[in-house]
Amino acid sequence: MDEMKAKYDRLKEERKKLVAEIHELKCKMTEIRSQEDDILRELEMEKALIKGEYDSEIAILNIEQRKKAELVEQAKKIEEEIKQLKEKQEARQNDMRDRVDIATMKVESALTQLDQELDITLNEIAKKKPLSPQKALPTESDSEQEGKPKRQHMAKVYTGLSIDS
């Protein structure tokens, strides 16, 4: 019986140790679960913060992309307006160039006609009235030799005529 009592005491002692170990393990498990819950809460908070930052960055990115698209569209409109203005300016310049060319041709035609009329008039005057002895009508070759335009030369001759009344 002593053996049994010793065995009983030993089993009782072993049981105490096991209960203590189980209690210690339960405490550790509780502590681990508590730490796990804390870590999960921290992870959830971190996740929420990161999601908030991400959403904020996405919103900013979307705003920036919209602004960029608007600026690109404005740039295209401005480029188109510049192109149209250049085309209008070119058309105006061409129109003005054409007008100047037409006016130049009209002036040259009028000057040629005036030169011809002046020649005719001078010839008629020369036939009707004699020139003073100091002045004589120049010939075509005289004005060409001097290198002066005919109308300038003819105007000088005309002013040098003596017209007797």
C-alpha atoms as a PDB file:
ATOM      1  CA  MET A   1       0.000   0.000   0.000  1.00  0.00           C
ATOM      2  CA  ASP A   2       2.779   2.323   0.547  1.00  0.00           C
ATOM      3  CA  GLU A   3       3.622   1.719  -2.946  1.00  0.00           C
ATOM      4  CA  MET A   4       0.226   2.687  -4.016  1.00  0.00           C
ATOM      5  CA  LYS A   5       0.247   5.716  -1.797  1.00  0.00           C
ATOM      6  CA  ALA A   6       3.600   6.707  -3.240  1.00  0.00           C
ATOM      7  CA  LYS A   7       2.289   6.049  -6.689  1.00  0.00           C
ATOM      8  CA  TYR A   8      -0.841   8.007  -5.824  1.00  0.00           C
ATOM      9  CA  ASP A   9       1.208  10.931  -4.502  1.00  0.00           C
ATOM     10  CA  ARG A  10       3.454  10.779  -7.495  1.00  0.00           C
ATOM     11  CA  LEU A  11       0.428  10.795  -9.847  1.00  0.00           C
ATOM     12  CA  LYS A  12      -1.117  13.590  -7.829  1.00  0.00           C
ATOM     13  CA  GLU A  13       2.113  15.568  -8.077  1.00  0.00           C
ATOM     14  CA  GLU A  14       2.309  14.837 -11.770  1.00  0.00           C
ATOM     15  CA  ARG A  15      -1.283  15.919 -12.148  1.00  0.00           C
ATOM     16  CA  LYS A  16      -0.522  19.240 -10.393  1.00  0.00           C
ATOM     17  CA  LYS A  17       2.404  19.785 -12.687  1.00  0.00           C
ATOM     18  CA  LEU A  18       0.254  18.977 -15.716  1.00  0.00           C
ATOM     19  CA  VAL A  19      -2.550  21.238 -14.492  1.00  0.00           C
ATOM     20  CA  ALA A  20       0.006  23.993 -13.896  1.00  0.00           C
ATOM     21  CA  GLU A  21       1.464  23.437 -17.352  1.00  0.00           C
ATOM     22  CA  ILE A  22      -2.032  23.417 -18.880  1.00  0.00           C
ATOM     23  CA  HIS A  23      -2.822  26.627 -16.985  1.00  0.00           C
ATOM     24  CA  GLU A  24       0.436  28.136 -18.184  1.00  0.00           C
ATOM     25  CA  LEU A  25      -0.287  27.023 -21.743  1.00  0.00           C
ATOM     26  CA  LYS A  26      -3.806  28.467 -21.522  1.00  0.00           C
ATOM     27  CA  CYS A  27      -2.353  31.761 -20.280  1.00  0.00           C
ATOM     28  CA  LYS A  28       0.184  31.758 -23.084  1.00  0.00           C
ATOM     29  CA  MET A  29      -2.567  30.948 -25.606  1.00  0.00           C
ATOM     30  CA  THR A  30      -4.698  33.765 -24.221  1.00  0.00           C
ATOM     31  CA  GLU A  31      -1.738  36.108 -24.420  1.00  0.00           C
ATOM     32  CA  ILE A  32      -0.963  34.913 -27.970  1.00  0.00           C
ATOM     33  CA  ARG A  33      -4.609  35.365 -28.961  1.00  0.00           C
ATOM     34  CA  SER A  34      -4.587  38.829 -27.425  1.00  0.00           C
ATOM     35  CA  GLN A  35      -1.395  39.688 -29.324  1.00  0.00           C
ATOM     36  CA  GLU A  36      -2.891  38.208 -32.465  1.00  0.00           C
ATOM     37  CA  ASP A  37      -6.015  40.356 -32.020  1.00  0.00           C
ATOM     38  CA  ASP A  38      -3.835  43.431 -31.433  1.00  0.00           C
ATOM     39  CA  ILE A  39      -1.793  42.656 -34.547  1.00  0.00           C
ATOM     40  CA  LEU A  40      -4.969  42.067 -36.580  1.00  0.00           C
ATOM     41  CA  ARG A  41      -6.417  45.386 -35.356  1.00  0.00           C
ATOM     42  CA  GLU A  42      -3.149  47.143 -36.239  1.00  0.00           C
ATOM     43  CA  LEU A  43      -3.145  45.450 -39.641  1.00  0.00           C
ATOM     44  CA  GLU A  44      -6.751  46.499 -40.227  1.00  0.00           C
ATOM     45  CA  MET A  45      -5.902  50.073 -39.217  1.00  0.00           C
ATOM     46  CA  GLU A  46      -2.798  50.039 -41.426  1.00  0.00           C
ATOM     47  CA  LYS A  47      -4.865  48.572 -44.248  1.00  0.00           C
ATOM     48  CA  ALA A  48      -7.501  51.288 -43.795  1.00  0.00           C
ATOM     49  CA  LEU A  49      -4.802  54.002 -43.761  1.00  0.00           C
ATOM     50  CA  ILE A  50      -3.140  52.575 -46.852  1.00  0.00           C
ATOM     51  CA  LYS A  51      -6.515  52.270 -48.590  1.00  0.00           C
ATOM     52  CA  GLY A  52      -7.309  55.871 -47.649  1.00  0.00           C
ATOM     53  CA  GLU A  53      -3.943  57.040 -49.006  1.00  0.00           C
ATOM     54  CA  TYR A  54      -4.412  54.926 -52.104  1.00  0.00           C
ATOM     55  CA  ASP A  55      -7.929  56.289 -52.694  1.00  0.00           C
ATOM     56  CA  SER A  56      -6.639  59.814 -52.133  1.00  0.00           C
ATOM     57  CA  GLU A  57      -3.769  59.294 -54.583  1.00  0.00           C
ATOM     58  CA  ILE A  58      -6.148  57.773 -57.133  1.00  0.00           C
ATOM     59  CA  ALA A  59      -8.490  60.757 -56.740  1.00  0.00           C
ATOM     60  CA  ILE A  60      -5.579  63.176 -57.181  1.00  0.00           C
ATOM     61  CA  LEU A  61      -4.345  61.172 -60.174  1.00  0.00           C
ATOM     62  CA  ASN A  62      -7.822  61.275 -61.740  1.00  0.00           C
ATOM     63  CA  ILE A  63      -8.009  65.030 -61.203  1.00  0.00           C
ATOM     64  CA  GLU A  64      -4.550  65.477 -62.718  1.00  0.00           C
ATOM     65  CA  GLN A  65      -5.468  63.264 -65.680  1.00  0.00           C
ATOM     66  CA  ARG A  66      -8.637  65.302 -66.260  1.00  0.00           C
ATOM     67  CA  LYS A  67      -6.613  68.521 -66.056  1.00  0.00           C
ATOM     68  CA  LYS A  68      -4.071  67.078 -68.468  1.00  0.00           C
ATOM     69  CA  ALA A  69      -6.825  66.043 -70.881  1.00  0.00           C
ATOM     70  CA  GLU A  70      -8.354  69.542 -70.642  1.00  0.00           C
ATOM     71  CA  LEU A  71      -4.966  71.159 -71.261  1.00  0.00           C
ATOM     72  CA  VAL A  72      -4.297  68.872 -74.212  1.00  0.00           C
ATOM     73  CA  GLU A  73      -7.724  69.770 -75.615  1.00  0.00           C
ATOM     74  CA  GLN A  74      -7.068  73.480 -75.061  1.00  0.00           C
ATOM     75  CA  ALA A  75      -3.673  73.132 -76.742  1.00  0.00           C
ATOM     76  CA  LYS A  76      -5.323  71.438 -79.729  1.00  0.00           C
ATOM     77  CA  LYS A  77      -7.913  74.221 -79.954  1.00  0.00           C
ATOM     78  CA  ILE A  78      -5.218  76.891 -79.734  1.00  0.00           C
ATOM     79  CA  GLU A  79      -3.139  75.133 -82.394  1.00  0.00           C
ATOM     80  CA  GLU A  80      -6.222  74.920 -84.617  1.00  0.00           C
ATOM     81  CA  GLU A  81      -6.967  78.622 -84.039  1.00  0.00           C
ATOM     82  CA  ILE A  82      -3.346  79.488 -84.857  1.00  0.00           C
ATOM     83  CA  LYS A  83      -3.570  77.386 -88.025  1.00  0.00           C
ATOM     84  CA  GLN A  84      -6.796  79.122 -89.042  1.00  0.00           C
ATOM     85  CA  LEU A  85      -5.320  82.557 -88.275  1.00  0.00           C
ATOM     86  CA  LYS A  86      -2.224  81.725 -90.337  1.00  0.00           C
ATOM     87  CA  GLU A  87      -4.441  80.572 -93.203  1.00  0.00           C
ATOM     88  CA  LYS A  88      -6.516  83.772 -92.971  1.00  0.00           C
ATOM     89  CA  GLN A  89      -3.357  85.885 -92.799  1.00  0.00           C
ATOM     90  CA  GLU A  90      -1.906  84.058 -95.791  1.00  0.00           C
ATOM     91  CA  ALA A  91      -5.155  84.523 -97.705  1.00  0.00           C
ATOM     92  CA  ARG A  92      -5.152  88.249 -96.813  1.00  0.00           C
ATOM     93  CA  GLN A  93      -1.528  88.580 -97.882  1.00  0.00           C
ATOM     94  CA  ASN A  94      -2.262  86.785-101.153  1.00  0.00           C
ATOM     95  CA  ASP A  95      -5.305  89.005-101.702  1.00  0.00           C
ATOM     96  CA  MET A  96      -3.279  92.141-100.965  1.00  0.00           C
ATOM     97  CA  ARG A  97      -0.452  90.901-103.221  1.00  0.00           C
ATOM     98  CA  ASP A  98      -2.992  90.315-105.989  1.00  0.00           C
ATOM     99  CA  ARG A  99      -4.470  93.781-105.444  1.00  0.00           C
ATOM    100  CA  VAL A 100      -1.005  95.350-105.521  1.00  0.00           C
ATOM    101  CA  ASP A 101      -0.182  93.417-108.705  1.00  0.00           C
ATOM    102  CA  ILE A 102      -3.445  94.528-110.327  1.00  0.00           C
ATOM    103  CA  ALA A 103      -2.915  98.144-109.208  1.00  0.00           C
ATOM    104  CA  THR A 104       0.676  98.023-110.476  1.00  0.00           C
ATOM    105  CA  MET A 105      -0.488  96.695-113.846  1.00  0.00           C
ATOM    106  CA  LYS A 106      -3.182  99.408-114.018  1.00  0.00           C
ATOM    107  CA  VAL A 107      -0.653 102.120-113.145  1.00  0.00           C
ATOM    108  CA  GLU A 108       1.837 100.766-115.699  1.00  0.00           C
ATOM    109  CA  SER A 109      -0.919 100.562-118.300  1.00  0.00           C
ATOM    110  CA  ALA A 110      -2.051 104.099-117.482  1.00  0.00           C
ATOM    111  CA  LEU A 111       1.540 105.363-117.656  1.00  0.00           C
ATOM    112  CA  THR A 112       2.060 103.635-120.999  1.00  0.00           C
ATOM    113  CA  GLN A 113      -1.178 105.136-122.282  1.00  0.00           C
ATOM    114  CA  LEU A 114      -0.175 108.569-120.968  1.00  0.00           C
ATOM    115  CA  ASP A 115       3.242 108.199-122.628  1.00  0.00           C
ATOM    116  CA  GLN A 116       1.529 107.351-125.916  1.00  0.00           C
ATOM    117  CA  GLU A 117      -0.890 110.253-125.570  1.00  0.00           C
ATOM    118  CA  LEU A 118       1.995 112.556-124.686  1.00  0.00           C
ATOM    119  CA  ASP A 119       3.902 111.400-127.765  1.00  0.00           C
ATOM    120  CA  ILE A 120       0.867 112.032-129.953  1.00  0.00           C
ATOM    121  CA  THR A 121       0.210 115.434-128.403  1.00  0.00           C
ATOM    122  CA  LEU A 122       3.838 116.510-128.700  1.00  0.00           C
ATOM    123  CA  ASN A 123       3.944 115.394-132.296  1.00  0.00           C
ATOM    124  CA  GLU A 124       0.742 117.320-133.047  1.00  0.00           C
ATOM    125  CA  ILE A 125       2.111 120.420-131.314  1.00  0.00           C
ATOM    126  CA  ALA A 126       5.391 120.102-133.138  1.00  0.00           C
ATOM    127  CA  LYS A 127       3.572 119.920-136.471  1.00  0.00           C
ATOM    128  CA  LYS A 128       1.391 122.949-135.714  1.00  0.00           C
ATOM    129  CA  LYS A 129       3.908 125.274-134.129  1.00  0.00           C
ATOM    130  CA  PRO A 130       7.627 125.503-134.686  1.00  0.00           C
ATOM    131  CA  LEU A 131       9.980 125.148-131.734  1.00  0.00           C
ATOM    132  CA  SER A 132      12.188 127.986-130.642  1.00  0.00           C
ATOM    133  CA  PRO A 133      15.644 127.750-132.208  1.00  0.00           C
ATOM    134  CA  GLN A 134      17.316 126.877-128.897  1.00  0.00           C
ATOM    135  CA  LYS A 135      15.102 123.832-128.194  1.00  0.00           C
ATOM    136  CA  ALA A 136      14.425 120.908-130.444  1.00  0.00           C
ATOM    137  CA  LEU A 137      12.342 117.820-129.854  1.00  0.00           C
ATOM    138  CA  PRO A 138      14.550 114.871-128.958  1.00  0.00           C
ATOM    139  CA  THR A 139      14.312 111.700-130.879  1.00  0.00           C
ATOM    140  CA  GLU A 140      13.496 108.319-129.385  1.00  0.00           C
ATOM    141  CA  SER A 141      17.148 107.342-129.548  1.00  0.00           C
ATOM    142  CA  ASP A 142      18.193 110.504-127.622  1.00  0.00           C
ATOM    143  CA  SER A 143      16.153 109.566-124.561  1.00  0.00           C
ATOM    144  CA  GLU A 144      17.365 105.969-124.703  1.00  0.00           C
ATOM    145  CA  GLN A 145      20.994 107.119-124.920  1.00  0.00           C
ATOM    146  CA  GLU A 146      20.612 109.289-121.877  1.00  0.00           C
ATOM    147  CA  GLY A 147      19.222 106.334-119.967  1.00  0.00           C
ATOM    148  CA  LYS A 148      16.215 108.295-118.712  1.00  0.00           C
ATOM    149  CA  PRO A 149      12.644 107.124-118.941  1.00  0.00           C
ATOM    150  CA  LYS A 150      10.781 108.549-121.912  1.00  0.00           C
ATOM    151  CA  ARG A 151       8.062 110.268-119.912  1.00  0.00           C
ATOM    152  CA  GLN A 152      10.576 112.259-117.821  1.00  0.00           C
ATOM    153  CA  HIS A 153      12.462 113.302-120.952  1.00  0.00           C
ATOM    154  CA  MET A 154       9.285 114.193-122.812  1.00  0.00           C
ATOM    155  CA  ALA A 155       8.050 116.298-119.899  1.00  0.00           C
ATOM    156  CA  LYS A 156      11.289 118.323-120.026  1.00  0.00           C
ATOM    157  CA  VAL A 157      10.928 118.792-123.770  1.00  0.00           C
ATOM    158  CA  TYR A 158       7.324 119.855-123.417  1.00  0.00           C
ATOM    159  CA  THR A 159       8.201 122.492-120.819  1.00  0.00           C
ATOM    160  CA  GLY A 160      10.925 123.777-123.145  1.00  0.00           C
ATOM    161  CA  LEU A 161       8.574 124.408-126.077  1.00  0.00           C
ATOM    162  CA  SER A 162       7.903 127.969-127.021  1.00  0.00           C
ATOM    163  CA  ILE A 163       4.312 128.478-127.916  1.00  0.00           C
ATOM    164  CA  ASP A 164       3.647 131.731-129.762  1.00  0.00           C
ATOM    165  CA  SER A 165       0.153 133.113-129.482  1.00  0.00           C
END
